[in-house]
Amino acid sequence: MPSKFIKRDFVKNGFYHIYNSSHEGTLLFKNDEDFSLFIYYLTIYLTPLEILHKKLPELPVRYYHKNLANDITLFSYTLLPDHFHLLVSIQNEKSLPLLMKQLANAYMQYVSTVYKPKSSLFSGRYKATQITDKKNLSHLARHFHMEPVITQNKSLEYPWSSYQEYTGLSQRNLCSTDIILKDFPSIYAFKKFHEKKAYQKSLEKIKEILIEDIF
């Protein structure tokens, strides 16, 4: 039976949690170069073109035609060795499947060239769940930011999540942060929101949109 999270009936202006994981026994990202390359493709596809021109002036023109910044807004992300999370909104129904196809194809081409894997890279099709209550956006972003802390014994300054963009520690600027930060009177309050005890109490409230098992 198909997973309930194999969702393809996307709606205009909807908010979505996107998740995919590696094939059993493999890793999606083995080192910093792998993580960086995936971020690089997110940058190409989701950075507004006028900014992308300045950020990556040597980018081949063919990539400009794959840019989806007018159709998709990224609010939060986390990349872990065996899976990743994205929190996005879409301006049309076809943009999200196109983004995920482009990301998968580009990254798999890199992996095939560098590692020559003997099995599939991903565990299957990406999973998605719609966030219908905007109050859950900040809780879900916090979940992304806290997962490396809880499961990998990392700090909140983990380099492959959007936490650093929210707190001014990174100039990556992949995310639109306003919609989540408006819930907090200050960056200090946003940081306090990430305290472990408060986070763990909130997991039950958002379990239906987490996709993966609560750890």
N, C-alpha and C. Protein backbone atom coordinates (compact mmCIF):
# COMPACT_ATOMS: atom_id res chain seq x y z
N MET A 1 0.84 -1.20 0.00
CA MET A 1 0.00 0.00 0.00
C MET A 1 0.88 1.25 0.00
N PRO A 2 0.60 2.23 -0.85
CA PRO A 2 1.43 3.43 -0.91
C PRO A 2 1.42 4.19 0.41
N SER A 3 2.54 4.80 0.74
CA SER A 3 2.61 5.62 1.93
C SER A 3 1.63 6.78 1.81
N LYS A 4 1.01 7.16 2.93
CA LYS A 4 0.10 8.30 2.90
C LYS A 4 0.84 9.60 2.59
N PHE A 5 2.17 9.57 2.71
CA PHE A 5 2.96 10.77 2.44
C PHE A 5 3.46 10.85 1.00
N ILE A 6 3.13 9.85 0.19
CA ILE A 6 3.45 9.97 -1.24
C ILE A 6 2.36 10.84 -1.85
N LYS A 7 2.54 12.14 -1.69
CA LYS A 7 1.51 13.11 -2.06
C LYS A 7 1.87 13.77 -3.38
N ARG A 8 0.91 13.85 -4.29
CA ARG A 8 1.18 14.50 -5.55
C ARG A 8 0.07 15.47 -5.95
N ASP A 9 -0.97 15.60 -5.12
CA ASP A 9 -2.05 16.53 -5.43
C ASP A 9 -1.78 17.86 -4.71
N PHE A 10 -0.75 18.55 -5.17
CA PHE A 10 -0.34 19.80 -4.54
C PHE A 10 -1.31 20.92 -4.89
N VAL A 11 -1.40 21.90 -3.99
CA VAL A 11 -2.32 23.01 -4.20
C VAL A 11 -1.57 24.33 -4.27
N LYS A 12 -2.06 25.23 -5.07
CA LYS A 12 -1.46 26.56 -5.22
C LYS A 12 -1.42 27.27 -3.88
N ASN A 13 -0.29 27.89 -3.57
CA ASN A 13 -0.07 28.64 -2.32
C ASN A 13 -0.07 27.75 -1.08
N GLY A 14 0.13 26.45 -1.27
CA GLY A 14 0.21 25.54 -0.14
C GLY A 14 1.59 25.52 0.49
N PHE A 15 1.64 25.15 1.78
CA PHE A 15 2.89 24.96 2.51
C PHE A 15 3.12 23.46 2.67
N TYR A 16 4.37 23.01 2.45
CA TYR A 16 4.65 21.58 2.48
C TYR A 16 5.96 21.26 3.20
N HIS A 17 5.90 20.15 3.93
CA HIS A 17 7.10 19.52 4.49
C HIS A 17 7.51 18.42 3.51
N ILE A 18 8.73 18.52 3.00
CA ILE A 18 9.26 17.55 2.04
C ILE A 18 10.37 16.75 2.72
N TYR A 19 10.37 15.45 2.46
CA TYR A 19 11.34 14.55 3.12
C TYR A 19 11.77 13.46 2.14
N ASN A 20 13.05 13.15 2.17
CA ASN A 20 13.50 11.94 1.49
C ASN A 20 14.71 11.38 2.23
N SER A 21 14.91 10.09 2.09
CA SER A 21 15.99 9.42 2.82
C SER A 21 16.76 8.51 1.87
N SER A 22 17.89 8.06 2.34
CA SER A 22 18.74 7.19 1.53
C SER A 22 18.22 5.76 1.52
N HIS A 23 18.63 5.04 0.51
CA HIS A 23 18.35 3.60 0.45
C HIS A 23 19.01 2.93 1.65
N GLU A 24 18.37 1.93 2.18
CA GLU A 24 18.85 1.25 3.38
C GLU A 24 20.32 0.84 3.26
N GLY A 25 21.09 1.22 4.27
CA GLY A 25 22.50 0.83 4.30
C GLY A 25 23.43 1.77 3.56
N THR A 26 22.88 2.86 3.02
CA THR A 26 23.71 3.83 2.30
C THR A 26 23.55 5.20 2.94
N LEU A 27 24.32 6.15 2.47
CA LEU A 27 24.23 7.53 2.93
C LEU A 27 23.96 8.44 1.74
N LEU A 28 23.19 9.48 1.97
CA LEU A 28 23.01 10.50 0.94
C LEU A 28 24.22 11.42 0.87
N PHE A 29 24.75 11.75 2.04
CA PHE A 29 25.85 12.71 2.14
C PHE A 29 26.96 12.10 2.99
N LYS A 30 28.11 11.89 2.38
CA LYS A 30 29.21 11.23 3.08
C LYS A 30 30.22 12.22 3.65
N ASN A 31 30.24 13.43 3.13
CA ASN A 31 31.24 14.40 3.58
C ASN A 31 30.75 15.81 3.28
N ASP A 32 31.54 16.80 3.66
CA ASP A 32 31.13 18.20 3.47
C ASP A 32 30.94 18.54 2.00
N GLU A 33 31.72 17.94 1.13
CA GLU A 33 31.57 18.21 -0.30
C GLU A 33 30.20 17.80 -0.80
N ASP A 34 29.71 16.66 -0.33
CA ASP A 34 28.38 16.19 -0.73
C ASP A 34 27.30 17.15 -0.23
N PHE A 35 27.38 17.50 1.05
CA PHE A 35 26.42 18.46 1.60
C PHE A 35 26.44 19.76 0.81
N SER A 36 27.64 20.26 0.55
CA SER A 36 27.80 21.55 -0.13
C SER A 36 27.20 21.51 -1.53
N LEU A 37 27.37 20.38 -2.21
CA LEU A 37 26.85 20.29 -3.57
C LEU A 37 25.32 20.33 -3.57
N PHE A 38 24.70 19.65 -2.62
CA PHE A 38 23.24 19.67 -2.55
C PHE A 38 22.76 21.09 -2.27
N ILE A 39 23.44 21.79 -1.37
CA ILE A 39 23.11 23.19 -1.09
C ILE A 39 23.31 24.04 -2.35
N TYR A 40 24.35 23.73 -3.09
CA TYR A 40 24.62 24.45 -4.34
C TYR A 40 23.44 24.33 -5.30
N TYR A 41 22.88 23.13 -5.43
CA TYR A 41 21.75 22.97 -6.33
C TYR A 41 20.50 23.65 -5.77
N LEU A 42 20.29 23.62 -4.48
CA LEU A 42 19.19 24.38 -3.89
C LEU A 42 19.34 25.86 -4.21
N THR A 43 20.57 26.34 -4.14
CA THR A 43 20.85 27.74 -4.44
C THR A 43 20.50 28.07 -5.89
N ILE A 44 20.92 27.22 -6.81
CA ILE A 44 20.64 27.45 -8.23
C ILE A 44 19.14 27.50 -8.50
N TYR A 45 18.41 26.57 -7.91
CA TYR A 45 17.00 26.43 -8.24
C TYR A 45 16.09 27.41 -7.50
N LEU A 46 16.51 27.88 -6.31
CA LEU A 46 15.60 28.65 -5.47
C LEU A 46 16.02 30.07 -5.16
N THR A 47 17.16 30.51 -5.67
CA THR A 47 17.59 31.89 -5.46
C THR A 47 17.04 32.77 -6.58
N PRO A 48 16.43 33.90 -6.26
CA PRO A 48 15.95 34.81 -7.33
C PRO A 48 17.06 35.11 -8.33
N LEU A 49 16.71 35.15 -9.59
CA LEU A 49 17.72 35.24 -10.65
C LEU A 49 18.62 36.47 -10.52
N GLU A 50 18.06 37.60 -10.11
CA GLU A 50 18.88 38.81 -10.02
C GLU A 50 19.95 38.66 -8.95
N ILE A 51 19.66 37.87 -7.91
CA ILE A 51 20.64 37.61 -6.85
C ILE A 51 21.59 36.49 -7.29
N LEU A 52 21.05 35.50 -7.98
CA LEU A 52 21.86 34.37 -8.43
C LEU A 52 22.95 34.84 -9.38
N HIS A 53 22.65 35.78 -10.25
CA HIS A 53 23.65 36.33 -11.18
C HIS A 53 24.86 36.86 -10.42
N LYS A 54 24.60 37.54 -9.29
CA LYS A 54 25.68 38.14 -8.50
C LYS A 54 26.40 37.09 -7.66
N LYS A 55 25.64 36.13 -7.15
CA LYS A 55 26.23 35.12 -6.27
C LYS A 55 27.08 34.11 -7.05
N LEU A 56 26.60 33.73 -8.22
CA LEU A 56 27.31 32.72 -9.04
C LEU A 56 27.47 33.25 -10.47
N PRO A 57 28.34 34.24 -10.65
CA PRO A 57 28.46 34.88 -11.97
C PRO A 57 28.95 33.95 -13.08
N GLU A 58 29.62 32.86 -12.71
CA GLU A 58 30.14 31.93 -13.72
C GLU A 58 29.19 30.77 -14.00
N LEU A 59 28.00 30.81 -13.42
CA LEU A 59 27.04 29.72 -13.60
C LEU A 59 26.64 29.60 -15.07
N PRO A 60 26.71 28.39 -15.65
CA PRO A 60 26.28 28.22 -17.05
C PRO A 60 24.84 28.66 -17.25
N VAL A 61 24.58 29.27 -18.39
CA VAL A 61 23.26 29.84 -18.68
C VAL A 61 22.16 28.79 -18.62
N ARG A 62 22.48 27.56 -18.94
CA ARG A 62 21.45 26.51 -18.97
C ARG A 62 20.75 26.36 -17.63
N TYR A 63 21.45 26.69 -16.54
CA TYR A 63 20.84 26.54 -15.22
C TYR A 63 19.80 27.61 -14.94
N TYR A 64 19.91 28.75 -15.58
CA TYR A 64 18.93 29.81 -15.35
C TYR A 64 17.52 29.36 -15.74
N HIS A 65 17.46 28.51 -16.74
CA HIS A 65 16.15 28.04 -17.20
C HIS A 65 15.51 27.04 -16.23
N LYS A 66 16.31 26.57 -15.28
CA LYS A 66 15.80 25.62 -14.29
C LYS A 66 15.42 26.32 -12.98
N ASN A 67 15.61 27.62 -12.93
CA ASN A 67 15.35 28.35 -11.69
C ASN A 67 13.85 28.43 -11.40
N LEU A 68 13.50 28.17 -10.14
CA LEU A 68 12.10 28.11 -9.72
C LEU A 68 11.78 29.10 -8.60
N ALA A 69 12.61 30.13 -8.48
CA ALA A 69 12.43 31.07 -7.37
C ALA A 69 11.11 31.82 -7.43
N ASN A 70 10.53 31.98 -8.61
CA ASN A 70 9.24 32.64 -8.72
C ASN A 70 8.08 31.73 -8.32
N ASP A 71 8.37 30.44 -8.21
CA ASP A 71 7.31 29.46 -7.96
C ASP A 71 7.40 28.78 -6.60
N ILE A 72 8.57 28.80 -5.98
CA ILE A 72 8.78 28.09 -4.72
C ILE A 72 9.55 28.99 -3.74
N THR A 73 9.09 29.01 -2.50
CA THR A 73 9.79 29.73 -1.43
C THR A 73 10.24 28.72 -0.39
N LEU A 74 11.52 28.76 -0.04
CA LEU A 74 12.07 27.87 0.98
C LEU A 74 12.09 28.60 2.32
N PHE A 75 11.55 27.96 3.36
CA PHE A 75 11.51 28.56 4.68
C PHE A 75 12.48 27.91 5.67
N SER A 76 12.75 26.65 5.50
CA SER A 76 13.67 25.98 6.42
C SER A 76 14.15 24.68 5.78
N TYR A 77 15.30 24.18 6.26
CA TYR A 77 15.83 22.92 5.75
C TYR A 77 16.82 22.34 6.75
N THR A 78 17.02 21.05 6.64
CA THR A 78 18.11 20.36 7.33
C THR A 78 18.55 19.19 6.45
N LEU A 79 19.85 19.06 6.30
CA LEU A 79 20.42 17.90 5.62
C LEU A 79 21.17 17.08 6.65
N LEU A 80 20.85 15.80 6.74
CA LEU A 80 21.54 14.87 7.61
C LEU A 80 22.14 13.77 6.74
N PRO A 81 23.09 13.00 7.27
CA PRO A 81 23.77 12.02 6.40
C PRO A 81 22.85 11.10 5.61
N ASP A 82 21.72 10.72 6.20
CA ASP A 82 20.87 9.75 5.51
C ASP A 82 19.49 10.28 5.11
N HIS A 83 19.23 11.57 5.30
CA HIS A 83 17.95 12.13 4.85
C HIS A 83 17.99 13.65 4.86
N PHE A 84 16.95 14.25 4.31
CA PHE A 84 16.85 15.71 4.35
C PHE A 84 15.39 16.13 4.51
N HIS A 85 15.22 17.35 5.01
CA HIS A 85 13.92 17.98 5.17
C HIS A 85 13.93 19.34 4.47
N LEU A 86 12.82 19.68 3.84
CA LEU A 86 12.61 21.02 3.30
C LEU A 86 11.22 21.49 3.72
N LEU A 87 11.11 22.77 4.04
CA LEU A 87 9.82 23.39 4.32
C LEU A 87 9.62 24.50 3.28
N VAL A 88 8.60 24.35 2.45
CA VAL A 88 8.43 25.25 1.32
C VAL A 88 6.97 25.69 1.17
N SER A 89 6.78 26.75 0.42
CA SER A 89 5.46 27.07 -0.11
C SER A 89 5.58 27.12 -1.62
N ILE A 90 4.48 26.83 -2.30
CA ILE A 90 4.52 26.78 -3.77
C ILE A 90 3.47 27.73 -4.34
N GLN A 91 3.79 28.34 -5.46
CA GLN A 91 2.88 29.27 -6.10
C GLN A 91 2.08 28.62 -7.22
N ASN A 92 2.48 27.42 -7.62
CA ASN A 92 1.65 26.66 -8.56
C ASN A 92 1.84 25.17 -8.31
N GLU A 93 0.92 24.39 -8.83
CA GLU A 93 0.85 22.98 -8.48
C GLU A 93 1.97 22.13 -9.07
N LYS A 94 2.59 22.58 -10.15
CA LYS A 94 3.58 21.77 -10.84
C LYS A 94 5.02 22.04 -10.41
N SER A 95 5.22 23.10 -9.64
CA SER A 95 6.59 23.53 -9.34
C SER A 95 7.33 22.57 -8.41
N LEU A 96 6.65 22.03 -7.42
CA LEU A 96 7.34 21.18 -6.45
C LEU A 96 7.82 19.86 -7.07
N PRO A 97 6.99 19.13 -7.81
CA PRO A 97 7.52 17.93 -8.48
C PRO A 97 8.70 18.25 -9.39
N LEU A 98 8.68 19.41 -10.04
CA LEU A 98 9.79 19.78 -10.92
C LEU A 98 11.05 20.03 -10.11
N LEU A 99 10.93 20.74 -9.00
CA LEU A 99 12.10 20.97 -8.14
C LEU A 99 12.70 19.65 -7.68
N MET A 100 11.87 18.74 -7.19
CA MET A 100 12.38 17.49 -6.65
C MET A 100 13.01 16.62 -7.73
N LYS A 101 12.46 16.69 -8.93
CA LYS A 101 13.05 15.95 -10.05
C LYS A 101 14.43 16.52 -10.38
N GLN A 102 14.53 17.83 -10.46
CA GLN A 102 15.80 18.48 -10.78
C GLN A 102 16.85 18.19 -9.71
N LEU A 103 16.46 18.31 -8.44
CA LEU A 103 17.40 18.04 -7.35
C LEU A 103 17.90 16.60 -7.41
N ALA A 104 16.97 15.66 -7.55
CA ALA A 104 17.34 14.25 -7.55
C ALA A 104 18.24 13.92 -8.74
N ASN A 105 17.88 14.40 -9.92
CA ASN A 105 18.68 14.09 -11.11
C ASN A 105 20.08 14.67 -11.02
N ALA A 106 20.18 15.93 -10.60
CA ALA A 106 21.48 16.58 -10.52
C ALA A 106 22.37 15.91 -9.47
N TYR A 107 21.78 15.63 -8.31
CA TYR A 107 22.59 15.05 -7.24
C TYR A 107 22.96 13.60 -7.55
N MET A 108 22.04 12.84 -8.13
CA MET A 108 22.35 11.45 -8.47
C MET A 108 23.42 11.37 -9.55
N GLN A 109 23.43 12.32 -10.46
CA GLN A 109 24.47 12.33 -11.48
C GLN A 109 25.85 12.52 -10.84
N TYR A 110 25.91 13.42 -9.87
CA TYR A 110 27.16 13.64 -9.13
C TYR A 110 27.58 12.37 -8.39
N VAL A 111 26.65 11.77 -7.65
CA VAL A 111 26.95 10.57 -6.87
C VAL A 111 27.40 9.43 -7.78
N SER A 112 26.73 9.26 -8.90
CA SER A 112 27.09 8.19 -9.83
C SER A 112 28.50 8.37 -10.38
N THR A 113 28.88 9.62 -10.61
CA THR A 113 30.21 9.91 -11.14
C THR A 113 31.29 9.71 -10.09
N VAL A 114 31.03 10.17 -8.88
CA VAL A 114 32.06 10.18 -7.83
C VAL A 114 32.16 8.83 -7.12
N TYR A 115 31.01 8.22 -6.79
CA TYR A 115 31.02 7.02 -5.94
C TYR A 115 30.71 5.73 -6.67
N LYS A 116 30.08 5.84 -7.84
CA LYS A 116 29.69 4.65 -8.60
C LYS A 116 28.96 3.64 -7.72
N PRO A 117 27.84 4.03 -7.12
CA PRO A 117 27.12 3.15 -6.19
C PRO A 117 26.56 1.91 -6.88
N LYS A 118 26.42 0.84 -6.11
CA LYS A 118 25.91 -0.41 -6.65
C LYS A 118 24.43 -0.60 -6.35
N SER A 119 23.81 0.35 -5.64
CA SER A 119 22.39 0.27 -5.34
C SER A 119 21.77 1.66 -5.49
N SER A 120 20.48 1.73 -5.32
CA SER A 120 19.78 3.01 -5.44
C SER A 120 20.24 3.98 -4.38
N LEU A 121 20.20 5.25 -4.71
CA LEU A 121 20.60 6.28 -3.75
C LEU A 121 19.48 6.58 -2.77
N PHE A 122 18.29 6.83 -3.28
CA PHE A 122 17.15 7.18 -2.43
C PHE A 122 16.33 5.94 -2.09
N SER A 123 15.63 6.02 -0.97
CA SER A 123 14.81 4.89 -0.53
C SER A 123 13.56 4.74 -1.37
N GLY A 124 13.21 5.76 -2.10
CA GLY A 124 12.02 5.74 -2.94
C GLY A 124 11.65 7.16 -3.32
N ARG A 125 10.40 7.38 -3.67
CA ARG A 125 9.95 8.71 -4.03
C ARG A 125 9.93 9.61 -2.81
N TYR A 126 10.17 10.88 -3.03
CA TYR A 126 10.13 11.81 -1.90
C TYR A 126 8.73 11.84 -1.29
N LYS A 127 8.66 12.19 -0.03
CA LYS A 127 7.40 12.25 0.70
C LYS A 127 7.06 13.70 1.01
N ALA A 128 5.78 13.97 1.13
CA ALA A 128 5.33 15.34 1.37
C ALA A 128 4.06 15.33 2.20
N THR A 129 3.94 16.33 3.04
CA THR A 129 2.70 16.54 3.78
C THR A 129 2.40 18.02 3.82
N GLN A 130 1.14 18.36 3.66
CA GLN A 130 0.75 19.77 3.65
C GLN A 130 0.58 20.31 5.06
N ILE A 131 1.06 21.51 5.29
CA ILE A 131 0.88 22.19 6.57
C ILE A 131 -0.26 23.17 6.40
N THR A 132 -1.39 22.86 7.01
CA THR A 132 -2.58 23.70 6.85
C THR A 132 -2.71 24.75 7.94
N ASP A 133 -2.03 24.55 9.05
CA ASP A 133 -2.05 25.51 10.16
C ASP A 133 -0.70 26.22 10.20
N LYS A 134 -0.67 27.50 9.87
CA LYS A 134 0.59 28.23 9.81
C LYS A 134 1.28 28.35 11.16
N LYS A 135 0.53 28.11 12.23
CA LYS A 135 1.15 28.11 13.56
C LYS A 135 2.20 27.00 13.69
N ASN A 136 2.06 25.98 12.85
CA ASN A 136 2.99 24.85 12.91
C ASN A 136 4.29 25.09 12.15
N LEU A 137 4.38 26.16 11.39
CA LEU A 137 5.59 26.41 10.60
C LEU A 137 6.82 26.58 11.49
N SER A 138 6.69 27.36 12.55
CA SER A 138 7.83 27.58 13.44
C SER A 138 8.18 26.30 14.19
N HIS A 139 7.18 25.49 14.55
CA HIS A 139 7.45 24.23 15.24
C HIS A 139 8.17 23.25 14.33
N LEU A 140 7.77 23.24 13.07
CA LEU A 140 8.42 22.32 12.13
C LEU A 140 9.84 22.78 11.83
N ALA A 141 10.04 24.08 11.67
CA ALA A 141 11.41 24.59 11.46
C ALA A 141 12.28 24.25 12.65
N ARG A 142 11.75 24.40 13.85
CA ARG A 142 12.52 24.03 15.04
C ARG A 142 12.87 22.55 15.03
N HIS A 143 11.94 21.71 14.60
CA HIS A 143 12.22 20.28 14.50
C HIS A 143 13.40 20.03 13.56
N PHE A 144 13.41 20.70 12.42
CA PHE A 144 14.53 20.55 11.49
C PHE A 144 15.84 20.92 12.17
N HIS A 145 15.83 22.05 12.87
CA HIS A 145 17.06 22.57 13.49
C HIS A 145 17.54 21.70 14.65
N MET A 146 16.59 21.08 15.34
CA MET A 146 16.94 20.30 16.53
C MET A 146 17.32 18.87 16.22
N GLU A 147 16.93 18.36 15.08
CA GLU A 147 17.21 16.95 14.79
C GLU A 147 18.70 16.62 14.82
N PRO A 148 19.59 17.44 14.25
CA PRO A 148 21.03 17.13 14.37
C PRO A 148 21.51 17.16 15.82
N VAL A 149 20.90 17.99 16.63
CA VAL A 149 21.26 18.09 18.05
C VAL A 149 20.89 16.80 18.78
N ILE A 150 19.68 16.33 18.51
CA ILE A 150 19.15 15.16 19.23
C ILE A 150 19.75 13.86 18.70
N THR A 151 19.84 13.72 17.38
CA THR A 151 20.23 12.43 16.81
C THR A 151 21.71 12.31 16.48
N GLN A 152 22.38 13.44 16.29
CA GLN A 152 23.78 13.41 15.87
C GLN A 152 24.73 14.01 16.90
N ASN A 153 24.16 14.45 18.01
CA ASN A 153 24.96 15.08 19.08
C ASN A 153 25.73 16.30 18.56
N LYS A 154 25.07 17.06 17.66
CA LYS A 154 25.67 18.28 17.12
C LYS A 154 25.17 19.48 17.91
N SER A 155 25.76 20.63 17.64
CA SER A 155 25.27 21.87 18.24
C SER A 155 24.25 22.51 17.30
N LEU A 156 23.56 23.53 17.78
CA LEU A 156 22.61 24.24 16.92
C LEU A 156 23.31 24.97 15.79
N GLU A 157 24.62 25.12 15.90
CA GLU A 157 25.38 25.75 14.82
C GLU A 157 25.76 24.74 13.72
N TYR A 158 25.12 23.60 13.74
CA TYR A 158 25.30 22.60 12.68
C TYR A 158 25.21 23.29 11.32
N PRO A 159 26.20 23.10 10.44
CA PRO A 159 26.28 23.92 9.23
C PRO A 159 25.28 23.59 8.14
N TRP A 160 24.57 22.46 8.24
CA TRP A 160 23.71 22.06 7.13
C TRP A 160 22.23 22.17 7.47
N SER A 161 21.91 23.16 8.27
CA SER A 161 20.51 23.48 8.53
C SER A 161 20.31 24.99 8.38
N SER A 162 19.06 25.41 8.41
CA SER A 162 18.75 26.83 8.23
C SER A 162 18.84 27.63 9.52
N TYR A 163 19.16 26.99 10.64
CA TYR A 163 19.23 27.72 11.92
C TYR A 163 20.17 28.90 11.83
N GLN A 164 21.32 28.71 11.20
CA GLN A 164 22.30 29.79 11.13
C GLN A 164 21.79 30.96 10.30
N GLU A 165 20.96 30.69 9.31
CA GLU A 165 20.37 31.79 8.55
C GLU A 165 19.43 32.61 9.42
N TYR A 166 18.68 31.94 10.28
CA TYR A 166 17.73 32.63 11.15
C TYR A 166 18.42 33.44 12.24
N THR A 167 19.58 33.02 12.64
CA THR A 167 20.26 33.70 13.75
C THR A 167 21.41 34.60 13.29
N GLY A 168 21.56 34.76 11.97
CA GLY A 168 22.55 35.67 11.44
C GLY A 168 23.96 35.13 11.40
N LEU A 169 24.13 33.83 11.59
CA LEU A 169 25.47 33.23 11.59
C LEU A 169 25.90 32.80 10.19
N SER A 170 24.98 32.83 9.24
CA SER A 170 25.28 32.41 7.87
C SER A 170 24.74 33.44 6.89
N GLN A 171 25.48 33.66 5.81
CA GLN A 171 25.04 34.53 4.73
C GLN A 171 24.56 33.72 3.53
N ARG A 172 24.18 32.48 3.80
CA ARG A 172 23.72 31.62 2.71
C ARG A 172 22.44 32.18 2.07
N ASN A 173 21.54 32.66 2.89
CA ASN A 173 20.33 33.36 2.43
C ASN A 173 19.48 32.54 1.46
N LEU A 174 19.35 31.26 1.75
CA LEU A 174 18.46 30.43 0.96
C LEU A 174 17.00 30.59 1.38
N CYS A 175 16.80 30.93 2.64
CA CYS A 175 15.46 30.92 3.23
C CYS A 175 14.82 32.30 3.30
N SER A 176 13.52 32.31 3.16
CA SER A 176 12.72 33.46 3.52
C SER A 176 12.36 33.29 4.99
N THR A 177 12.84 34.17 5.84
CA THR A 177 12.71 33.97 7.29
C THR A 177 11.59 34.79 7.92
N ASP A 178 11.05 35.75 7.22
CA ASP A 178 10.12 36.70 7.85
C ASP A 178 8.88 36.04 8.44
N ILE A 179 8.29 35.09 7.71
CA ILE A 179 7.01 34.53 8.13
C ILE A 179 7.14 33.78 9.46
N ILE A 180 8.30 33.20 9.73
CA ILE A 180 8.51 32.49 10.99
C ILE A 180 9.01 33.45 12.06
N LEU A 181 9.93 34.33 11.73
CA LEU A 181 10.48 35.23 12.74
C LEU A 181 9.45 36.23 13.26
N LYS A 182 8.39 36.47 12.51
CA LYS A 182 7.38 37.43 12.98
C LYS A 182 6.65 36.90 14.22
N ASP A 183 6.77 35.60 14.49
CA ASP A 183 6.16 35.02 15.69
C ASP A 183 6.98 35.28 16.94
N PHE A 184 8.16 35.89 16.78
CA PHE A 184 9.07 36.08 17.91
C PHE A 184 9.44 37.56 18.05
N PRO A 185 9.47 38.07 19.28
CA PRO A 185 9.80 39.49 19.47
C PRO A 185 11.26 39.81 19.20
N SER A 186 12.12 38.79 19.20
CA SER A 186 13.55 39.02 19.01
C SER A 186 14.23 37.72 18.59
N ILE A 187 15.47 37.84 18.09
CA ILE A 187 16.25 36.66 17.78
C ILE A 187 16.54 35.87 19.05
N TYR A 188 16.71 36.57 20.15
CA TYR A 188 16.92 35.88 21.44
C TYR A 188 15.74 34.98 21.75
N ALA A 189 14.52 35.47 21.54
CA ALA A 189 13.33 34.66 21.79
C ALA A 189 13.29 33.45 20.85
N PHE A 190 13.71 33.66 19.61
CA PHE A 190 13.77 32.54 18.66
C PHE A 190 14.76 31.48 19.15
N LYS A 191 15.91 31.91 19.66
CA LYS A 191 16.89 30.97 20.18
C LYS A 191 16.35 30.23 21.40
N LYS A 192 15.66 30.94 22.29
CA LYS A 192 15.08 30.30 23.48
C LYS A 192 14.04 29.25 23.07
N PHE A 193 13.36 29.50 21.97
CA PHE A 193 12.36 28.57 21.45
C PHE A 193 12.98 27.21 21.12
N HIS A 194 14.29 27.20 20.90
CA HIS A 194 15.00 25.98 20.55
C HIS A 194 15.58 25.24 21.76
N GLU A 195 15.18 25.58 22.96
CA GLU A 195 15.65 24.83 24.11
C GLU A 195 15.09 23.41 24.06
N LYS A 196 15.90 22.45 24.42
CA LYS A 196 15.58 21.04 24.21
C LYS A 196 14.29 20.60 24.90
N LYS A 197 14.10 21.03 26.13
CA LYS A 197 12.93 20.56 26.88
C LYS A 197 11.63 21.04 26.22
N ALA A 198 11.58 22.31 25.85
CA ALA A 198 10.37 22.84 25.21
C ALA A 198 10.12 22.16 23.87
N TYR A 199 11.18 21.90 23.16
CA TYR A 199 11.06 21.24 21.86
C TYR A 199 10.47 19.84 22.00
N GLN A 200 10.98 19.07 22.93
CA GLN A 200 10.52 17.69 23.08
C GLN A 200 9.06 17.62 23.50
N LYS A 201 8.60 18.61 24.26
CA LYS A 201 7.19 18.65 24.65
C LYS A 201 6.27 18.92 23.48
N SER A 202 6.81 19.58 22.45
CA SER A 202 5.97 19.98 21.32
C SER A 202 5.85 18.91 20.24
N LEU A 203 6.68 17.89 20.28
CA LEU A 203 6.70 16.92 19.20
C LEU A 203 5.36 16.24 18.97
N GLU A 204 4.67 15.91 20.05
CA GLU A 204 3.40 15.22 19.92
C GLU A 204 2.39 16.06 19.14
N LYS A 205 2.48 17.38 19.27
CA LYS A 205 1.52 18.27 18.60
C LYS A 205 1.70 18.28 17.09
N ILE A 206 2.90 17.99 16.63
CA ILE A 206 3.15 18.09 15.19
C ILE A 206 3.49 16.74 14.55
N LYS A 207 3.21 15.66 15.26
CA LYS A 207 3.63 14.35 14.77
C LYS A 207 3.02 14.00 13.41
N GLU A 208 1.85 14.56 13.09
CA GLU A 208 1.19 14.22 11.83
C GLU A 208 1.89 14.84 10.61
N ILE A 209 2.75 15.82 10.84
CA ILE A 209 3.43 16.45 9.71
C ILE A 209 4.94 16.19 9.74
N LEU A 210 5.40 15.32 10.63
CA LEU A 210 6.83 15.03 10.73
C LEU A 210 7.32 14.05 9.67
N ILE A 211 6.43 13.19 9.18
CA ILE A 211 6.69 12.15 8.18
C ILE A 211 7.52 11.00 8.77
N GLU A 212 8.74 11.29 9.23
CA GLU A 212 9.56 10.21 9.79
C GLU A 212 9.13 9.94 11.22
N ASP A 213 9.53 8.81 11.78
CA ASP A 213 9.21 8.45 13.16
C ASP A 213 9.80 9.47 14.11
N ILE A 214 9.06 9.76 15.19
CA ILE A 214 9.60 10.63 16.24
C ILE A 214 10.68 9.87 16.98
N PHE A 215 11.84 10.47 17.09
CA PHE A 215 12.95 9.80 17.75
C PHE A 215 12.86 9.99 19.25
